[in-house]
Amino acid sequence: MSKVKETEKQTYETVKKIFIDYLNKNGHRKTPERFSILRQIYATDGHFDVETLYINMKNNKYRVSRATLYNTVELLLNCNLVARHQFGNNLSLYEKSYKCSQHDHFVDMESGEILEFCDPRIHEIQLAIEKLLNVKIKNRSLTFYGKKLNSQREQKAAK
């Protein structure tokens, strides 16, 4: 087994245990459908919406209702295994969040493409805010909206 596949398997086993503990603690049933959804999410790279997840699961021969998908995603949000984003439209996008580095987003307003980036200066600002306000920040969301500059002429004109 390749190192990547082994790491993915270990990650899935860890998130599955976290999810089981959450379900037990909160009196929810442990169903094969919920674990299939968890597996599909953690096999997905990038952002996804519930409808795309539903279609992917259907194409992979999983029999899961939309209601089960929405309910399970909500449970995964509650136990911090999935993060929800609203990128300026009415569609919620999700991404796996276990062991995923803190990052921020740029949304191309023309194409809808979402670019992820990490800038350590933003983390420094977060630490300064915590100190200034005497708080501990648990989560943050920073999204920039704009237009991707494709040509060198566009890049120069923007400066």
N, C-alpha and C. Protein backbone atom coordinates (compact mmCIF):
# COMPACT_ATOMS: atom_id res chain seq x y z
N MET A 1 0.85 -1.18 0.00
CA MET A 1 0.00 0.00 0.00
C MET A 1 0.89 1.24 0.00
N SER A 2 0.54 2.23 -0.81
CA SER A 2 1.36 3.44 -0.89
C SER A 2 1.22 4.25 0.40
N LYS A 3 2.21 5.10 0.61
CA LYS A 3 2.23 5.94 1.81
C LYS A 3 1.01 6.86 1.87
N VAL A 4 0.60 7.40 0.71
CA VAL A 4 -0.57 8.28 0.65
C VAL A 4 -1.83 7.52 1.05
N LYS A 5 -2.03 6.33 0.47
CA LYS A 5 -3.23 5.53 0.79
C LYS A 5 -3.24 5.14 2.27
N GLU A 6 -2.08 4.81 2.82
CA GLU A 6 -2.00 4.45 4.23
C GLU A 6 -2.37 5.64 5.11
N THR A 7 -1.88 6.82 4.75
CA THR A 7 -2.21 8.03 5.51
C THR A 7 -3.70 8.33 5.43
N GLU A 8 -4.29 8.20 4.22
CA GLU A 8 -5.73 8.43 4.05
C GLU A 8 -6.53 7.45 4.90
N LYS A 9 -6.09 6.19 4.94
CA LYS A 9 -6.79 5.18 5.74
C LYS A 9 -6.71 5.52 7.23
N GLN A 10 -5.52 5.94 7.68
CA GLN A 10 -5.36 6.31 9.08
C GLN A 10 -6.23 7.52 9.43
N THR A 11 -6.26 8.50 8.52
CA THR A 11 -7.09 9.68 8.76
C THR A 11 -8.55 9.27 8.86
N TYR A 12 -9.01 8.41 7.93
CA TYR A 12 -10.41 7.98 7.97
C TYR A 12 -10.71 7.26 9.29
N GLU A 13 -9.83 6.37 9.72
CA GLU A 13 -10.06 5.64 10.97
C GLU A 13 -10.13 6.60 12.16
N THR A 14 -9.31 7.64 12.14
CA THR A 14 -9.33 8.62 13.23
C THR A 14 -10.63 9.42 13.22
N VAL A 15 -11.04 9.93 12.04
CA VAL A 15 -12.27 10.73 11.99
C VAL A 15 -13.48 9.85 12.28
N LYS A 16 -13.42 8.59 11.90
CA LYS A 16 -14.52 7.67 12.20
C LYS A 16 -14.66 7.51 13.71
N LYS A 17 -13.54 7.38 14.41
CA LYS A 17 -13.58 7.25 15.87
C LYS A 17 -14.14 8.52 16.51
N ILE A 18 -13.70 9.68 16.03
CA ILE A 18 -14.22 10.96 16.55
C ILE A 18 -15.72 11.03 16.33
N PHE A 19 -16.17 10.61 15.14
CA PHE A 19 -17.59 10.65 14.80
C PHE A 19 -18.38 9.68 15.68
N ILE A 20 -17.86 8.47 15.88
CA ILE A 20 -18.53 7.48 16.74
C ILE A 20 -18.67 8.03 18.16
N ASP A 21 -17.59 8.61 18.69
CA ASP A 21 -17.64 9.18 20.04
C ASP A 21 -18.70 10.27 20.12
N TYR A 22 -18.77 11.13 19.08
CA TYR A 22 -19.77 12.20 19.05
C TYR A 22 -21.18 11.61 19.01
N LEU A 23 -21.40 10.62 18.15
CA LEU A 23 -22.72 10.01 18.04
C LEU A 23 -23.14 9.37 19.36
N ASN A 24 -22.23 8.64 19.99
CA ASN A 24 -22.52 8.00 21.28
C ASN A 24 -22.86 9.04 22.34
N LYS A 25 -22.04 10.07 22.42
CA LYS A 25 -22.22 11.11 23.46
C LYS A 25 -23.55 11.84 23.30
N ASN A 26 -24.00 11.99 22.05
CA ASN A 26 -25.22 12.76 21.79
C ASN A 26 -26.44 11.92 21.47
N GLY A 27 -26.34 10.61 21.67
CA GLY A 27 -27.49 9.74 21.51
C GLY A 27 -27.97 9.54 20.08
N HIS A 28 -27.08 9.65 19.10
CA HIS A 28 -27.43 9.43 17.69
C HIS A 28 -27.08 7.99 17.29
N ARG A 29 -27.82 7.50 16.33
CA ARG A 29 -27.57 6.14 15.83
C ARG A 29 -26.32 6.10 14.96
N LYS A 30 -25.63 4.98 15.02
CA LYS A 30 -24.47 4.73 14.17
C LYS A 30 -24.95 3.87 13.01
N THR A 31 -25.09 4.47 11.82
CA THR A 31 -25.63 3.74 10.68
C THR A 31 -24.57 3.61 9.59
N PRO A 32 -24.67 2.56 8.78
CA PRO A 32 -23.71 2.39 7.67
C PRO A 32 -23.74 3.58 6.71
N GLU A 33 -24.92 4.18 6.52
CA GLU A 33 -25.04 5.33 5.62
C GLU A 33 -24.19 6.51 6.11
N ARG A 34 -24.24 6.77 7.40
CA ARG A 34 -23.46 7.88 7.96
C ARG A 34 -21.97 7.66 7.75
N PHE A 35 -21.52 6.43 7.91
CA PHE A 35 -20.09 6.15 7.74
C PHE A 35 -19.70 6.16 6.26
N SER A 36 -20.62 5.79 5.39
CA SER A 36 -20.36 5.90 3.94
C SER A 36 -20.21 7.36 3.53
N ILE A 37 -21.05 8.21 4.10
CA ILE A 37 -20.97 9.65 3.81
C ILE A 37 -19.64 10.21 4.32
N LEU A 38 -19.28 9.84 5.53
CA LEU A 38 -18.00 10.29 6.09
C LEU A 38 -16.84 9.86 5.21
N ARG A 39 -16.86 8.61 4.77
CA ARG A 39 -15.79 8.08 3.91
C ARG A 39 -15.72 8.86 2.59
N GLN A 40 -16.89 9.12 1.98
CA GLN A 40 -16.93 9.85 0.71
C GLN A 40 -16.39 11.27 0.88
N ILE A 41 -16.76 11.93 1.97
CA ILE A 41 -16.28 13.29 2.22
C ILE A 41 -14.76 13.30 2.37
N TYR A 42 -14.23 12.35 3.12
CA TYR A 42 -12.79 12.33 3.37
C TYR A 42 -12.00 11.77 2.18
N ALA A 43 -12.70 11.30 1.16
CA ALA A 43 -12.05 10.90 -0.09
C ALA A 43 -12.14 12.02 -1.12
N THR A 44 -12.83 13.10 -0.77
CA THR A 44 -13.05 14.22 -1.68
C THR A 44 -12.02 15.30 -1.41
N ASP A 45 -11.41 15.81 -2.47
CA ASP A 45 -10.49 16.94 -2.34
C ASP A 45 -11.23 18.23 -2.63
N GLY A 46 -10.92 19.26 -1.87
CA GLY A 46 -11.51 20.57 -2.13
C GLY A 46 -12.91 20.73 -1.58
N HIS A 47 -13.62 21.71 -2.12
CA HIS A 47 -14.96 22.06 -1.65
C HIS A 47 -16.01 21.26 -2.40
N PHE A 48 -17.13 21.04 -1.75
CA PHE A 48 -18.24 20.32 -2.38
C PHE A 48 -19.55 20.84 -1.83
N ASP A 49 -20.60 20.67 -2.60
CA ASP A 49 -21.94 20.97 -2.08
C ASP A 49 -22.66 19.63 -1.88
N VAL A 50 -23.75 19.66 -1.15
CA VAL A 50 -24.44 18.41 -0.80
C VAL A 50 -24.99 17.72 -2.05
N GLU A 51 -25.48 18.49 -3.01
CA GLU A 51 -26.03 17.88 -4.23
C GLU A 51 -24.95 17.12 -5.00
N THR A 52 -23.76 17.70 -5.12
CA THR A 52 -22.65 17.02 -5.80
C THR A 52 -22.24 15.78 -5.02
N LEU A 53 -22.22 15.88 -3.71
CA LEU A 53 -21.91 14.72 -2.88
C LEU A 53 -22.94 13.61 -3.11
N TYR A 54 -24.22 13.99 -3.18
CA TYR A 54 -25.29 13.03 -3.44
C TYR A 54 -25.08 12.32 -4.78
N ILE A 55 -24.77 13.08 -5.82
CA ILE A 55 -24.57 12.50 -7.15
C ILE A 55 -23.35 11.58 -7.14
N ASN A 56 -22.25 12.02 -6.51
CA ASN A 56 -21.05 11.17 -6.43
C ASN A 56 -21.34 9.86 -5.70
N MET A 57 -22.09 9.94 -4.63
CA MET A 57 -22.41 8.72 -3.88
C MET A 57 -23.31 7.81 -4.71
N LYS A 58 -24.28 8.39 -5.39
CA LYS A 58 -25.17 7.62 -6.25
C LYS A 58 -24.38 6.92 -7.36
N ASN A 59 -23.43 7.66 -7.97
CA ASN A 59 -22.59 7.09 -9.02
C ASN A 59 -21.68 5.97 -8.50
N ASN A 60 -21.36 6.03 -7.21
CA ASN A 60 -20.53 4.99 -6.59
C ASN A 60 -21.38 3.88 -5.95
N LYS A 61 -22.67 3.83 -6.33
CA LYS A 61 -23.60 2.78 -5.91
C LYS A 61 -23.97 2.80 -4.42
N TYR A 62 -23.81 3.98 -3.77
CA TYR A 62 -24.30 4.11 -2.39
C TYR A 62 -25.76 4.52 -2.45
N ARG A 63 -26.57 3.92 -1.60
CA ARG A 63 -27.99 4.27 -1.55
C ARG A 63 -28.21 5.13 -0.31
N VAL A 64 -28.20 6.44 -0.53
CA VAL A 64 -28.35 7.40 0.57
C VAL A 64 -29.33 8.47 0.12
N SER A 65 -30.26 8.81 0.98
CA SER A 65 -31.22 9.87 0.64
C SER A 65 -30.59 11.24 0.86
N ARG A 66 -31.16 12.24 0.22
CA ARG A 66 -30.69 13.61 0.42
C ARG A 66 -30.87 14.03 1.88
N ALA A 67 -31.98 13.62 2.48
CA ALA A 67 -32.24 13.97 3.88
C ALA A 67 -31.15 13.40 4.78
N THR A 68 -30.76 12.16 4.55
CA THR A 68 -29.69 11.55 5.34
C THR A 68 -28.38 12.29 5.13
N LEU A 69 -28.12 12.70 3.87
CA LEU A 69 -26.91 13.47 3.59
C LEU A 69 -26.90 14.78 4.37
N TYR A 70 -27.99 15.54 4.27
CA TYR A 70 -28.05 16.83 4.96
C TYR A 70 -27.92 16.65 6.48
N ASN A 71 -28.62 15.66 7.02
CA ASN A 71 -28.56 15.43 8.47
C ASN A 71 -27.16 15.01 8.91
N THR A 72 -26.51 14.16 8.12
CA THR A 72 -25.18 13.70 8.48
C THR A 72 -24.16 14.82 8.36
N VAL A 73 -24.26 15.63 7.31
CA VAL A 73 -23.35 16.77 7.17
C VAL A 73 -23.51 17.70 8.38
N GLU A 74 -24.74 17.90 8.83
CA GLU A 74 -24.98 18.74 10.00
C GLU A 74 -24.29 18.16 11.24
N LEU A 75 -24.37 16.85 11.42
CA LEU A 75 -23.69 16.19 12.54
C LEU A 75 -22.17 16.36 12.42
N LEU A 76 -21.65 16.22 11.20
CA LEU A 76 -20.21 16.37 10.99
C LEU A 76 -19.75 17.81 11.24
N LEU A 77 -20.61 18.77 10.93
CA LEU A 77 -20.32 20.16 11.27
C LEU A 77 -20.23 20.33 12.78
N ASN A 78 -21.19 19.74 13.48
CA ASN A 78 -21.27 19.88 14.94
C ASN A 78 -20.07 19.27 15.65
N CYS A 79 -19.47 18.24 15.06
CA CYS A 79 -18.30 17.63 15.71
C CYS A 79 -17.00 18.06 15.03
N ASN A 80 -17.06 19.13 14.25
CA ASN A 80 -15.88 19.78 13.66
C ASN A 80 -15.09 18.91 12.70
N LEU A 81 -15.75 17.99 12.02
CA LEU A 81 -15.08 17.18 11.01
C LEU A 81 -15.29 17.74 9.61
N VAL A 82 -16.21 18.71 9.50
CA VAL A 82 -16.50 19.38 8.23
C VAL A 82 -16.68 20.87 8.53
N ALA A 83 -16.25 21.70 7.59
CA ALA A 83 -16.46 23.16 7.69
C ALA A 83 -17.39 23.61 6.58
N ARG A 84 -18.23 24.60 6.89
CA ARG A 84 -19.17 25.14 5.90
C ARG A 84 -18.70 26.54 5.49
N HIS A 85 -18.85 26.83 4.19
CA HIS A 85 -18.52 28.15 3.66
C HIS A 85 -19.68 28.66 2.82
N GLN A 86 -19.87 29.95 2.86
CA GLN A 86 -20.87 30.62 2.04
C GLN A 86 -20.11 31.65 1.22
N PHE A 87 -19.88 31.37 -0.05
CA PHE A 87 -19.05 32.23 -0.88
C PHE A 87 -19.89 33.18 -1.73
N GLY A 88 -20.71 34.00 -1.08
CA GLY A 88 -21.42 35.06 -1.78
C GLY A 88 -22.64 34.62 -2.57
N ASN A 89 -23.04 33.39 -2.46
CA ASN A 89 -24.28 32.95 -3.11
C ASN A 89 -25.08 32.17 -2.08
N ASN A 90 -26.19 31.63 -2.48
CA ASN A 90 -27.04 30.91 -1.53
C ASN A 90 -26.65 29.46 -1.35
N LEU A 91 -25.58 29.03 -2.02
CA LEU A 91 -25.15 27.64 -1.97
C LEU A 91 -24.07 27.47 -0.91
N SER A 92 -24.30 26.57 0.03
CA SER A 92 -23.27 26.26 1.02
C SER A 92 -22.30 25.26 0.42
N LEU A 93 -21.02 25.54 0.61
CA LEU A 93 -19.99 24.59 0.22
C LEU A 93 -19.31 24.09 1.49
N TYR A 94 -18.83 22.87 1.43
CA TYR A 94 -18.24 22.22 2.59
C TYR A 94 -16.86 21.72 2.22
N GLU A 95 -16.06 21.48 3.26
CA GLU A 95 -14.78 20.82 3.07
C GLU A 95 -14.43 20.08 4.35
N LYS A 96 -13.67 19.01 4.20
CA LYS A 96 -13.23 18.27 5.38
C LYS A 96 -12.34 19.19 6.20
N SER A 97 -12.35 19.00 7.51
CA SER A 97 -11.61 19.94 8.35
C SER A 97 -10.64 19.28 9.32
N TYR A 98 -10.68 17.97 9.45
CA TYR A 98 -9.75 17.30 10.37
C TYR A 98 -8.34 17.35 9.79
N LYS A 99 -7.40 17.84 10.59
CA LYS A 99 -5.98 17.93 10.20
C LYS A 99 -5.77 18.72 8.92
N CYS A 100 -6.67 19.65 8.65
CA CYS A 100 -6.50 20.53 7.49
C CYS A 100 -5.97 21.86 8.01
N SER A 101 -4.93 22.36 7.38
CA SER A 101 -4.31 23.58 7.86
C SER A 101 -5.26 24.76 7.70
N GLN A 102 -5.12 25.73 8.61
CA GLN A 102 -5.91 26.95 8.52
C GLN A 102 -5.57 27.64 7.21
N HIS A 103 -6.57 28.02 6.48
CA HIS A 103 -6.35 28.69 5.20
C HIS A 103 -7.51 29.64 4.94
N ASP A 104 -7.31 30.50 3.96
CA ASP A 104 -8.32 31.46 3.60
C ASP A 104 -8.63 31.30 2.12
N HIS A 105 -9.57 32.10 1.61
CA HIS A 105 -10.06 31.87 0.26
C HIS A 105 -10.10 33.15 -0.58
N PHE A 106 -9.93 32.96 -1.88
CA PHE A 106 -10.18 33.99 -2.88
C PHE A 106 -11.19 33.40 -3.85
N VAL A 107 -12.27 34.15 -4.11
CA VAL A 107 -13.30 33.70 -5.04
C VAL A 107 -13.26 34.58 -6.28
N ASP A 108 -13.03 33.96 -7.44
CA ASP A 108 -13.09 34.67 -8.72
C ASP A 108 -14.56 34.91 -9.02
N MET A 109 -14.97 36.16 -9.05
CA MET A 109 -16.38 36.50 -9.21
C MET A 109 -16.90 36.22 -10.62
N GLU A 110 -16.01 36.07 -11.59
CA GLU A 110 -16.45 35.76 -12.95
C GLU A 110 -16.66 34.26 -13.15
N SER A 111 -15.71 33.46 -12.70
CA SER A 111 -15.78 32.02 -12.96
C SER A 111 -16.33 31.23 -11.78
N GLY A 112 -16.30 31.82 -10.58
CA GLY A 112 -16.71 31.10 -9.38
C GLY A 112 -15.61 30.23 -8.81
N GLU A 113 -14.44 30.22 -9.46
CA GLU A 113 -13.32 29.40 -8.98
C GLU A 113 -12.90 29.87 -7.58
N ILE A 114 -12.59 28.91 -6.72
CA ILE A 114 -12.17 29.20 -5.36
C ILE A 114 -10.71 28.81 -5.22
N LEU A 115 -9.89 29.79 -4.84
CA LEU A 115 -8.47 29.54 -4.61
C LEU A 115 -8.22 29.60 -3.12
N GLU A 116 -7.43 28.67 -2.62
CA GLU A 116 -7.06 28.67 -1.21
C GLU A 116 -5.65 29.21 -1.06
N PHE A 117 -5.42 29.93 0.04
CA PHE A 117 -4.08 30.43 0.29
C PHE A 117 -3.84 30.49 1.79
N CYS A 118 -2.58 30.53 2.13
CA CYS A 118 -2.19 30.64 3.54
C CYS A 118 -1.11 31.72 3.62
N ASP A 119 -1.35 32.70 4.46
CA ASP A 119 -0.38 33.77 4.65
C ASP A 119 -0.15 33.91 6.15
N PRO A 120 1.08 33.67 6.60
CA PRO A 120 1.35 33.70 8.05
C PRO A 120 1.06 35.05 8.70
N ARG A 121 1.01 36.13 7.91
CA ARG A 121 0.70 37.45 8.49
C ARG A 121 -0.72 37.48 9.04
N ILE A 122 -1.62 36.74 8.42
CA ILE A 122 -3.00 36.70 8.91
C ILE A 122 -3.05 36.04 10.28
N HIS A 123 -2.25 35.00 10.45
CA HIS A 123 -2.18 34.34 11.77
C HIS A 123 -1.60 35.31 12.81
N GLU A 124 -0.63 36.11 12.42
CA GLU A 124 -0.06 37.09 13.34
C GLU A 124 -1.12 38.12 13.75
N ILE A 125 -1.95 38.53 12.81
CA ILE A 125 -3.05 39.46 13.13
C ILE A 125 -4.01 38.80 14.12
N GLN A 126 -4.32 37.52 13.88
CA GLN A 126 -5.21 36.79 14.79
C GLN A 126 -4.63 36.78 16.20
N LEU A 127 -3.34 36.51 16.33
CA LEU A 127 -2.70 36.49 17.66
C LEU A 127 -2.75 37.87 18.31
N ALA A 128 -2.54 38.92 17.52
CA ALA A 128 -2.60 40.29 18.05
C ALA A 128 -4.00 40.62 18.54
N ILE A 129 -5.02 40.20 17.81
CA ILE A 129 -6.42 40.45 18.22
C ILE A 129 -6.72 39.70 19.52
N GLU A 130 -6.26 38.44 19.61
CA GLU A 130 -6.48 37.69 20.85
C GLU A 130 -5.87 38.42 22.05
N LYS A 131 -4.65 38.91 21.86
CA LYS A 131 -3.98 39.62 22.95
C LYS A 131 -4.68 40.93 23.28
N LEU A 132 -5.03 41.70 22.25
CA LEU A 132 -5.68 43.00 22.43
C LEU A 132 -7.02 42.87 23.15
N LEU A 133 -7.81 41.87 22.75
CA LEU A 133 -9.16 41.72 23.31
C LEU A 133 -9.23 40.72 24.45
N ASN A 134 -8.10 40.07 24.76
CA ASN A 134 -8.05 39.05 25.80
C ASN A 134 -9.08 37.95 25.54
N VAL A 135 -8.99 37.39 24.32
CA VAL A 135 -9.91 36.33 23.89
C VAL A 135 -9.10 35.19 23.26
N LYS A 136 -9.75 34.07 23.07
CA LYS A 136 -9.17 32.95 22.34
C LYS A 136 -10.06 32.70 21.12
N ILE A 137 -9.52 32.92 19.94
CA ILE A 137 -10.27 32.72 18.70
C ILE A 137 -10.27 31.23 18.37
N LYS A 138 -11.46 30.67 18.19
CA LYS A 138 -11.60 29.24 17.88
C LYS A 138 -11.66 28.98 16.38
N ASN A 139 -12.14 29.96 15.64
CA ASN A 139 -12.31 29.76 14.20
C ASN A 139 -12.31 31.13 13.54
N ARG A 140 -11.95 31.13 12.27
CA ARG A 140 -12.03 32.38 11.52
C ARG A 140 -12.36 32.05 10.08
N SER A 141 -12.87 33.07 9.39
CA SER A 141 -13.19 32.91 7.98
C SER A 141 -12.84 34.21 7.28
N LEU A 142 -11.94 34.11 6.30
CA LEU A 142 -11.55 35.28 5.53
C LEU A 142 -11.67 34.91 4.05
N THR A 143 -12.48 35.67 3.34
CA THR A 143 -12.68 35.42 1.91
C THR A 143 -12.56 36.73 1.16
N PHE A 144 -11.72 36.72 0.14
CA PHE A 144 -11.59 37.86 -0.76
C PHE A 144 -12.35 37.53 -2.03
N TYR A 145 -12.99 38.55 -2.60
CA TYR A 145 -13.73 38.40 -3.85
C TYR A 145 -13.11 39.32 -4.88
N GLY A 146 -12.93 38.84 -6.09
CA GLY A 146 -12.35 39.68 -7.13
C GLY A 146 -12.29 38.96 -8.46
N LYS A 147 -11.37 39.39 -9.27
CA LYS A 147 -11.22 38.85 -10.62
C LYS A 147 -9.78 38.36 -10.77
N LYS A 148 -9.64 37.15 -11.28
CA LYS A 148 -8.31 36.62 -11.58
C LYS A 148 -7.74 37.38 -12.76
N LEU A 149 -6.50 37.79 -12.64
CA LEU A 149 -5.82 38.49 -13.73
C LEU A 149 -5.02 37.47 -14.53
N ASN A 150 -5.42 37.27 -15.77
CA ASN A 150 -4.80 36.21 -16.56
C ASN A 150 -3.62 36.69 -17.39
N SER A 151 -3.75 37.83 -18.03
CA SER A 151 -2.67 38.27 -18.90
C SER A 151 -1.71 39.18 -18.14
N GLN A 152 -0.50 39.31 -18.65
CA GLN A 152 0.47 40.21 -18.03
C GLN A 152 -0.02 41.65 -18.11
N ARG A 153 -0.73 41.99 -19.20
CA ARG A 153 -1.25 43.34 -19.36
C ARG A 153 -2.25 43.63 -18.23
N GLU A 154 -3.13 42.67 -17.94
CA GLU A 154 -4.12 42.85 -16.86
C GLU A 154 -3.41 43.01 -15.52
N GLN A 155 -2.36 42.23 -15.28
CA GLN A 155 -1.63 42.30 -14.02
C GLN A 155 -0.96 43.66 -13.85
N LYS A 156 -0.39 44.19 -14.93
CA LYS A 156 0.26 45.50 -14.86
C LYS A 156 -0.77 46.60 -14.66
N ALA A 157 -1.91 46.51 -15.33
CA ALA A 157 -2.96 47.52 -15.22
C ALA A 157 -3.54 47.57 -13.82
N ALA A 158 -3.54 46.45 -13.12
CA ALA A 158 -4.12 46.38 -11.78
C ALA A 158 -3.21 47.03 -10.73
N LYS A 159 -1.94 47.20 -11.06
CA LYS A 159 -0.99 47.74 -10.07
C LYS A 159 -1.01 49.22 -9.98
